[in-house]
Amino acid sequence: SPERAVSVSSAQAVLGALAESKHRMTAIDYRGGAL
C-alpha cells in the first residue's frame, strides 16, 4: 500500500522494543500476494 514507509517505521520500533525484552524475533518484508 502507499503506507509502506509508515509500516517500515512501525516495524523498526516494534522490533527494537521486543528485542530489548529478550523475545526471539524474525522479520519478513511482505510485499503482497501469495504467502
PDB file of all heavy atoms in Angstrom:
ATOM      1  N   SER A   1       0.835  -1.204   0.000  1.00  0.00           N
ATOM      2  CA  SER A   1       0.000   0.000   0.000  1.00  0.00           C
ATOM      3  C   SER A   1       0.871   1.255   0.000  1.00  0.00           C
ATOM      4  O   SER A   1       2.087   1.191   0.211  1.00  0.00           O
ATOM      5  CB  SER A   1      -0.905   0.005   1.233  1.00  0.00           C
ATOM      6  OG  SER A   1      -0.235   0.539   2.361  1.00  0.00           O
ATOM      7  N   PRO A   2       0.256   2.443  -0.210  1.00  0.00           N
ATOM      8  CA  PRO A   2       1.021   3.695  -0.138  1.00  0.00           C
ATOM      9  C   PRO A   2       1.578   3.987   1.252  1.00  0.00           C
ATOM     10  O   PRO A   2       2.361   4.916   1.408  1.00  0.00           O
ATOM     11  CB  PRO A   2      -0.024   4.752  -0.536  1.00  0.00           C
ATOM     12  CG  PRO A   2      -1.045   4.020  -1.331  1.00  0.00           C
ATOM     13  CD  PRO A   2      -1.117   2.665  -0.720  1.00  0.00           C
ATOM     14  N   GLU A   3       1.180   3.191   2.238  1.00  0.00           N
ATOM     15  CA  GLU A   3       1.654   3.404   3.608  1.00  0.00           C
ATOM     16  C   GLU A   3       2.858   2.529   3.955  1.00  0.00           C
ATOM     17  O   GLU A   3       3.161   2.318   5.127  1.00  0.00           O
ATOM     18  CB  GLU A   3       0.511   3.152   4.589  1.00  0.00           C
ATOM     19  CG  GLU A   3      -0.679   4.077   4.384  1.00  0.00           C
ATOM     20  CD  GLU A   3      -1.853   3.707   5.260  1.00  0.00           C
ATOM     21  OE1 GLU A   3      -1.738   3.845   6.488  1.00  0.00           O
ATOM     22  OE2 GLU A   3      -2.892   3.264   4.713  1.00  0.00           O
ATOM     23  N   ARG A   4       3.551   2.051   2.927  1.00  0.00           N
ATOM     24  CA  ARG A   4       4.688   1.157   3.156  1.00  0.00           C
ATOM     25  C   ARG A   4       5.756   1.805   4.050  1.00  0.00           C
ATOM     26  O   ARG A   4       6.291   1.160   4.958  1.00  0.00           O
ATOM     27  CB  ARG A   4       5.300   0.758   1.816  1.00  0.00           C
ATOM     28  CG  ARG A   4       6.521  -0.135   1.957  1.00  0.00           C
ATOM     29  CD  ARG A   4       7.090  -0.567   0.604  1.00  0.00           C
ATOM     30  NE  ARG A   4       8.365  -1.238   0.806  1.00  0.00           N
ATOM     31  CZ  ARG A   4       8.478  -2.522   1.131  1.00  0.00           C
ATOM     32  NH1 ARG A   4       7.416  -3.264   1.272  1.00  0.00           N
ATOM     33  NH2 ARG A   4       9.670  -3.065   1.306  1.00  0.00           N
ATOM     34  N   ALA A   5       6.047   3.071   3.835  1.00  0.00           N
ATOM     35  CA  ALA A   5       7.089   3.732   4.624  1.00  0.00           C
ATOM     36  C   ALA A   5       6.707   3.783   6.105  1.00  0.00           C
ATOM     37  O   ALA A   5       7.556   3.630   6.990  1.00  0.00           O
ATOM     38  CB  ALA A   5       7.337   5.144   4.096  1.00  0.00           C
ATOM     39  N   VAL A   6       5.432   4.005   6.375  1.00  0.00           N
ATOM     40  CA  VAL A   6       4.958   4.013   7.760  1.00  0.00           C
ATOM     41  C   VAL A   6       5.109   2.619   8.367  1.00  0.00           C
ATOM     42  O   VAL A   6       5.513   2.463   9.520  1.00  0.00           O
ATOM     43  CB  VAL A   6       3.493   4.473   7.837  1.00  0.00           C
ATOM     44  CG1 VAL A   6       3.018   4.507   9.281  1.00  0.00           C
ATOM     45  CG2 VAL A   6       3.323   5.842   7.189  1.00  0.00           C
ATOM     46  N   SER A   7       4.804   1.598   7.575  1.00  0.00           N
ATOM     47  CA  SER A   7       4.942   0.223   8.034  1.00  0.00           C
ATOM     48  C   SER A   7       6.378  -0.095   8.438  1.00  0.00           C
ATOM     49  O   SER A   7       6.623  -0.728   9.471  1.00  0.00           O
ATOM     50  CB  SER A   7       4.489  -0.740   6.931  1.00  0.00           C
ATOM     51  OG  SER A   7       4.817  -2.066   7.246  1.00  0.00           O
ATOM     52  N   VAL A   8       7.316   0.338   7.630  1.00  0.00           N
ATOM     53  CA  VAL A   8       8.733   0.089   7.940  1.00  0.00           C
ATOM     54  C   VAL A   8       9.110   0.764   9.258  1.00  0.00           C
ATOM     55  O   VAL A   8       9.786   0.173  10.110  1.00  0.00           O
ATOM     56  CB  VAL A   8       9.629   0.581   6.793  1.00  0.00           C
ATOM     57  CG1 VAL A   8      11.102   0.512   7.197  1.00  0.00           C
ATOM     58  CG2 VAL A   8       9.384  -0.248   5.532  1.00  0.00           C
ATOM     59  N   SER A   9       8.639   1.987   9.467  1.00  0.00           N
ATOM     60  CA  SER A   9       8.934   2.707  10.713  1.00  0.00           C
ATOM     61  C   SER A   9       8.308   2.006  11.913  1.00  0.00           C
ATOM     62  O   SER A   9       8.919   1.888  12.981  1.00  0.00           O
ATOM     63  CB  SER A   9       8.432   4.151  10.627  1.00  0.00           C
ATOM     64  OG  SER A   9       9.137   4.877   9.644  1.00  0.00           O
ATOM     65  N   SER A  10       7.066   1.537  11.748  1.00  0.00           N
ATOM     66  CA  SER A  10       6.416   0.799  12.833  1.00  0.00           C
ATOM     67  C   SER A  10       7.205  -0.456  13.182  1.00  0.00           C
ATOM     68  O   SER A  10       7.430  -0.765  14.361  1.00  0.00           O
ATOM     69  CB  SER A  10       4.991   0.415  12.426  1.00  0.00           C
ATOM     70  OG  SER A  10       4.123   1.516  12.421  1.00  0.00           O
ATOM     71  N   ALA A  11       7.629  -1.191  12.163  1.00  0.00           N
ATOM     72  CA  ALA A  11       8.362  -2.434  12.397  1.00  0.00           C
ATOM     73  C   ALA A  11       9.679  -2.179  13.119  1.00  0.00           C
ATOM     74  O   ALA A  11      10.064  -2.939  14.020  1.00  0.00           O
ATOM     75  CB  ALA A  11       8.608  -3.147  11.072  1.00  0.00           C
ATOM     76  N   GLN A  12      10.372  -1.131  12.736  1.00  0.00           N
ATOM     77  CA  GLN A  12      11.641  -0.814  13.401  1.00  0.00           C
ATOM     78  C   GLN A  12      11.426  -0.562  14.886  1.00  0.00           C
ATOM     79  O   GLN A  12      12.200  -1.034  15.731  1.00  0.00           O
ATOM     80  CB  GLN A  12      12.278   0.406  12.735  1.00  0.00           C
ATOM     81  CG  GLN A  12      12.806   0.134  11.340  1.00  0.00           C
ATOM     82  CD  GLN A  12      13.264   1.387  10.616  1.00  0.00           C
ATOM     83  OE1 GLN A  12      12.861   2.513  10.963  1.00  0.00           O
ATOM     84  NE2 GLN A  12      14.093   1.221   9.605  1.00  0.00           N
ATOM     85  N   ALA A  13      10.357   0.169  15.199  1.00  0.00           N
ATOM     86  CA  ALA A  13      10.067   0.469  16.600  1.00  0.00           C
ATOM     87  C   ALA A  13       9.678  -0.792  17.370  1.00  0.00           C
ATOM     88  O   ALA A  13      10.148  -1.031  18.492  1.00  0.00           O
ATOM     89  CB  ALA A  13       8.952   1.512  16.693  1.00  0.00           C
ATOM     90  N   VAL A  14       8.838  -1.630  16.778  1.00  0.00           N
ATOM     91  CA  VAL A  14       8.385  -2.852  17.438  1.00  0.00           C
ATOM     92  C   VAL A  14       9.542  -3.821  17.639  1.00  0.00           C
ATOM     93  O   VAL A  14       9.706  -4.408  18.720  1.00  0.00           O
ATOM     94  CB  VAL A  14       7.252  -3.514  16.620  1.00  0.00           C
ATOM     95  CG1 VAL A  14       6.953  -4.917  17.135  1.00  0.00           C
ATOM     96  CG2 VAL A  14       6.000  -2.648  16.670  1.00  0.00           C
ATOM     97  N   LEU A  15      10.353  -4.009  16.616  1.00  0.00           N
ATOM     98  CA  LEU A  15      11.493  -4.917  16.725  1.00  0.00           C
ATOM     99  C   LEU A  15      12.445  -4.461  17.822  1.00  0.00           C
ATOM    100  O   LEU A  15      12.943  -5.284  18.606  1.00  0.00           O
ATOM    101  CB  LEU A  15      12.228  -5.005  15.385  1.00  0.00           C
ATOM    102  CG  LEU A  15      11.515  -5.795  14.279  1.00  0.00           C
ATOM    103  CD1 LEU A  15      12.149  -5.508  12.923  1.00  0.00           C
ATOM    104  CD2 LEU A  15      11.550  -7.290  14.582  1.00  0.00           C
ATOM    105  N   GLY A  16      12.688  -3.176  17.879  1.00  0.00           N
ATOM    106  CA  GLY A  16      13.582  -2.659  18.912  1.00  0.00           C
ATOM    107  C   GLY A  16      13.038  -2.886  20.312  1.00  0.00           C
ATOM    108  O   GLY A  16      13.764  -3.304  21.217  1.00  0.00           O
ATOM    109  N   ALA A  17      11.741  -2.621  20.486  1.00  0.00           N
ATOM    110  CA  ALA A  17      11.135  -2.766  21.804  1.00  0.00           C
ATOM    111  C   ALA A  17      11.107  -4.216  22.264  1.00  0.00           C
ATOM    112  O   ALA A  17      11.451  -4.528  23.411  1.00  0.00           O
ATOM    113  CB  ALA A  17       9.719  -2.191  21.787  1.00  0.00           C
ATOM    114  N   LEU A  18      10.709  -5.123  21.387  1.00  0.00           N
ATOM    115  CA  LEU A  18      10.580  -6.526  21.785  1.00  0.00           C
ATOM    116  C   LEU A  18      11.941  -7.206  21.934  1.00  0.00           C
ATOM    117  O   LEU A  18      12.101  -8.111  22.756  1.00  0.00           O
ATOM    118  CB  LEU A  18       9.712  -7.271  20.776  1.00  0.00           C
ATOM    119  CG  LEU A  18       8.229  -6.859  20.777  1.00  0.00           C
ATOM    120  CD1 LEU A  18       7.470  -7.575  19.670  1.00  0.00           C
ATOM    121  CD2 LEU A  18       7.589  -7.146  22.129  1.00  0.00           C
ATOM    122  N   ALA A  19      12.910  -6.782  21.136  1.00  0.00           N
ATOM    123  CA  ALA A  19      14.253  -7.362  21.260  1.00  0.00           C
ATOM    124  C   ALA A  19      14.850  -7.028  22.625  1.00  0.00           C
ATOM    125  O   ALA A  19      15.571  -7.847  23.223  1.00  0.00           O
ATOM    126  CB  ALA A  19      15.148  -6.852  20.142  1.00  0.00           C
ATOM    127  N   GLU A  20      14.550  -5.832  23.142  1.00  0.00           N
ATOM    128  CA  GLU A  20      15.060  -5.443  24.457  1.00  0.00           C
ATOM    129  C   GLU A  20      14.529  -6.362  25.557  1.00  0.00           C
ATOM    130  O   GLU A  20      15.155  -6.526  26.595  1.00  0.00           O
ATOM    131  CB  GLU A  20      14.669  -3.992  24.757  1.00  0.00           C
ATOM    132  CG  GLU A  20      15.425  -2.971  23.930  1.00  0.00           C
ATOM    133  CD  GLU A  20      14.989  -1.551  24.235  1.00  0.00           C
ATOM    134  OE1 GLU A  20      14.110  -1.375  25.110  1.00  0.00           O
ATOM    135  OE2 GLU A  20      15.519  -0.610  23.612  1.00  0.00           O
ATOM    136  N   SER A  21      13.358  -6.944  25.332  1.00  0.00           N
ATOM    137  CA  SER A  21      12.764  -7.844  26.319  1.00  0.00           C
ATOM    138  C   SER A  21      13.153  -9.299  26.087  1.00  0.00           C
ATOM    139  O   SER A  21      12.537 -10.214  26.644  1.00  0.00           O
ATOM    140  CB  SER A  21      11.237  -7.708  26.288  1.00  0.00           C
ATOM    141  OG  SER A  21      10.857  -6.405  26.661  1.00  0.00           O
ATOM    142  N   LYS A  22      14.137  -9.515  25.231  1.00  0.00           N
ATOM    143  CA  LYS A  22      14.716 -10.842  25.003  1.00  0.00           C
ATOM    144  C   LYS A  22      13.799 -11.799  24.255  1.00  0.00           C
ATOM    145  O   LYS A  22      14.016 -13.017  24.274  1.00  0.00           O
ATOM    146  CB  LYS A  22      15.159 -11.486  26.332  1.00  0.00           C
ATOM    147  CG  LYS A  22      16.018 -10.602  27.207  1.00  0.00           C
ATOM    148  CD  LYS A  22      17.289 -10.136  26.504  1.00  0.00           C
ATOM    149  CE  LYS A  22      18.143  -9.279  27.420  1.00  0.00           C
ATOM    150  NZ  LYS A  22      19.350  -8.732  26.733  1.00  0.00           N
ATOM    151  N   HIS A  23      12.761 -11.293  23.602  1.00  0.00           N
ATOM    152  CA  HIS A  23      11.962 -12.165  22.748  1.00  0.00           C
ATOM    153  C   HIS A  23      12.774 -12.520  21.506  1.00  0.00           C
ATOM    154  O   HIS A  23      13.633 -11.743  21.062  1.00  0.00           O
ATOM    155  CB  HIS A  23      10.658 -11.469  22.351  1.00  0.00           C
ATOM    156  CG  HIS A  23       9.752 -11.181  23.507  1.00  0.00           C
ATOM    157  ND1 HIS A  23       9.110 -12.173  24.215  1.00  0.00           N
ATOM    158  CD2 HIS A  23       9.409 -10.005  24.092  1.00  0.00           C
ATOM    159  CE1 HIS A  23       8.394 -11.625  25.183  1.00  0.00           C
ATOM    160  NE2 HIS A  23       8.556 -10.316  25.134  1.00  0.00           N
ATOM    161  N   ARG A  24      12.493 -13.653  20.927  1.00  0.00           N
ATOM    162  CA  ARG A  24      13.198 -14.094  19.730  1.00  0.00           C
ATOM    163  C   ARG A  24      12.435 -13.553  18.517  1.00  0.00           C
ATOM    164  O   ARG A  24      11.258 -13.888  18.317  1.00  0.00           O
ATOM    165  CB  ARG A  24      13.295 -15.622  19.698  1.00  0.00           C
ATOM    166  CG  ARG A  24      14.177 -16.175  20.815  1.00  0.00           C
ATOM    167  CD  ARG A  24      14.140 -17.687  20.882  1.00  0.00           C
ATOM    168  NE  ARG A  24      12.836 -18.180  21.302  1.00  0.00           N
ATOM    169  CZ  ARG A  24      12.432 -18.242  22.568  1.00  0.00           C
ATOM    170  NH1 ARG A  24      13.228 -17.821  23.532  1.00  0.00           N
ATOM    171  NH2 ARG A  24      11.235 -18.715  22.865  1.00  0.00           N
ATOM    172  N   MET A  25      13.107 -12.763  17.726  1.00  0.00           N
ATOM    173  CA  MET A  25      12.449 -12.002  16.677  1.00  0.00           C
ATOM    174  C   MET A  25      12.858 -12.478  15.282  1.00  0.00           C
ATOM    175  O   MET A  25      14.027 -12.750  15.019  1.00  0.00           O
ATOM    176  CB  MET A  25      12.806 -10.505  16.793  1.00  0.00           C
ATOM    177  CG  MET A  25      12.656  -9.927  18.193  1.00  0.00           C
ATOM    178  SD  MET A  25      10.951  -9.934  18.748  1.00  0.00           S
ATOM    179  CE  MET A  25      10.208  -8.880  17.527  1.00  0.00           C
ATOM    180  N   THR A  26      11.866 -12.557  14.400  1.00  0.00           N
ATOM    181  CA  THR A  26      12.101 -12.758  12.971  1.00  0.00           C
ATOM    182  C   THR A  26      11.299 -11.705  12.237  1.00  0.00           C
ATOM    183  O   THR A  26      10.141 -11.450  12.585  1.00  0.00           O
ATOM    184  CB  THR A  26      11.627 -14.156  12.512  1.00  0.00           C
ATOM    185  OG1 THR A  26      12.317 -15.158  13.269  1.00  0.00           O
ATOM    186  CG2 THR A  26      11.904 -14.362  11.029  1.00  0.00           C
ATOM    187  N   ALA A  27      11.893 -11.077  11.242  1.00  0.00           N
ATOM    188  CA  ALA A  27      11.196 -10.043  10.469  1.00  0.00           C
ATOM    189  C   ALA A  27      11.203 -10.420   8.994  1.00  0.00           C
ATOM    190  O   ALA A  27      12.229 -10.848   8.463  1.00  0.00           O
ATOM    191  CB  ALA A  27      11.865  -8.686  10.665  1.00  0.00           C
ATOM    192  N   ILE A  28      10.058 -10.269   8.361  1.00  0.00           N
ATOM    193  CA  ILE A  28       9.935 -10.559   6.934  1.00  0.00           C
ATOM    194  C   ILE A  28       9.271  -9.379   6.241  1.00  0.00           C
ATOM    195  O   ILE A  28       8.231  -8.890   6.684  1.00  0.00           O
ATOM    196  CB  ILE A  28       9.094 -11.838   6.695  1.00  0.00           C
ATOM    197  CG1 ILE A  28       9.839 -13.069   7.225  1.00  0.00           C
ATOM    198  CG2 ILE A  28       8.788 -12.016   5.206  1.00  0.00           C
ATOM    199  CD1 ILE A  28       9.092 -14.378   7.036  1.00  0.00           C
ATOM    200  N   ASP A  29       9.889  -8.930   5.165  1.00  0.00           N
ATOM    201  CA  ASP A  29       9.336  -7.849   4.341  1.00  0.00           C
ATOM    202  C   ASP A  29       8.325  -8.477   3.389  1.00  0.00           C
ATOM    203  O   ASP A  29       8.690  -9.064   2.372  1.00  0.00           O
ATOM    204  CB  ASP A  29      10.467  -7.158   3.577  1.00  0.00           C
ATOM    205  CG  ASP A  29       9.975  -5.960   2.762  1.00  0.00           C
ATOM    206  OD1 ASP A  29       8.750  -5.760   2.651  1.00  0.00           O
ATOM    207  OD2 ASP A  29      10.829  -5.229   2.216  1.00  0.00           O
ATOM    208  N   TYR A  30       7.056  -8.338   3.734  1.00  0.00           N
ATOM    209  CA  TYR A  30       5.979  -8.908   2.912  1.00  0.00           C
ATOM    210  C   TYR A  30       5.561  -7.876   1.871  1.00  0.00           C
ATOM    211  O   TYR A  30       5.198  -6.744   2.210  1.00  0.00           O
ATOM    212  CB  TYR A  30       4.801  -9.282   3.805  1.00  0.00           C
ATOM    213  CG  TYR A  30       3.568  -9.710   3.048  1.00  0.00           C
ATOM    214  CD1 TYR A  30       3.543 -10.910   2.346  1.00  0.00           C
ATOM    215  CD2 TYR A  30       2.429  -8.912   3.037  1.00  0.00           C
ATOM    216  CE1 TYR A  30       2.411 -11.303   1.654  1.00  0.00           C
ATOM    217  CE2 TYR A  30       1.287  -9.307   2.354  1.00  0.00           C
ATOM    218  CZ  TYR A  30       1.284 -10.494   1.662  1.00  0.00           C
ATOM    219  OH  TYR A  30       0.170 -10.874   0.977  1.00  0.00           O
ATOM    220  N   ARG A  31       5.594  -8.255   0.616  1.00  0.00           N
ATOM    221  CA  ARG A  31       5.316  -7.304  -0.459  1.00  0.00           C
ATOM    222  C   ARG A  31       3.983  -7.569  -1.159  1.00  0.00           C
ATOM    223  O   ARG A  31       3.759  -7.115  -2.273  1.00  0.00           O
ATOM    224  CB  ARG A  31       6.473  -7.304  -1.460  1.00  0.00           C
ATOM    225  CG  ARG A  31       7.765  -6.769  -0.855  1.00  0.00           C
ATOM    226  CD  ARG A  31       8.911  -6.763  -1.825  1.00  0.00           C
ATOM    227  NE  ARG A  31      10.094  -6.150  -1.234  1.00  0.00           N
ATOM    228  CZ  ARG A  31      10.393  -4.862  -1.293  1.00  0.00           C
ATOM    229  NH1 ARG A  31       9.588  -4.028  -1.946  1.00  0.00           N
ATOM    230  NH2 ARG A  31      11.482  -4.391  -0.722  1.00  0.00           N
ATOM    231  N   GLY A  32       3.123  -8.311  -0.511  1.00  0.00           N
ATOM    232  CA  GLY A  32       1.806  -8.567  -1.071  1.00  0.00           C
ATOM    233  C   GLY A  32       1.757  -9.881  -1.828  1.00  0.00           C
ATOM    234  O   GLY A  32       2.778 -10.511  -2.115  1.00  0.00           O
ATOM    235  N   GLY A  33       0.552 -10.303  -2.157  1.00  0.00           N
ATOM    236  CA  GLY A  33       0.383 -11.520  -2.941  1.00  0.00           C
ATOM    237  C   GLY A  33       0.378 -12.780  -2.095  1.00  0.00           C
ATOM    238  O   GLY A  33       0.204 -12.754  -0.877  1.00  0.00           O
ATOM    239  N   ALA A  34       0.575 -13.903  -2.763  1.00  0.00           N
ATOM    240  CA  ALA A  34       0.528 -15.206  -2.100  1.00  0.00           C
ATOM    241  C   ALA A  34       1.602 -15.328  -1.026  1.00  0.00           C
ATOM    242  O   ALA A  34       2.669 -14.698  -1.113  1.00  0.00           O
ATOM    243  CB  ALA A  34       0.691 -16.314  -3.129  1.00  0.00           C
ATOM    244  N   LEU A  35       1.328 -16.144  -0.028  1.00  0.00           N
ATOM    245  CA  LEU A  35       2.267 -16.368   1.064  1.00  0.00           C
ATOM    246  C   LEU A  35       3.184 -17.530   0.707  1.00  0.00           C
ATOM    247  O   LEU A  35       2.710 -18.625   0.418  1.00  0.00           O
ATOM    248  CB  LEU A  35       1.511 -16.675   2.353  1.00  0.00           C
ATOM    249  CG  LEU A  35       0.427 -15.661   2.748  1.00  0.00           C
ATOM    250  CD1 LEU A  35      -0.213 -16.062   4.075  1.00  0.00           C
ATOM    251  CD2 LEU A  35       0.996 -14.259   2.837  1.00  0.00           C
TER     252      LEU A  35
END
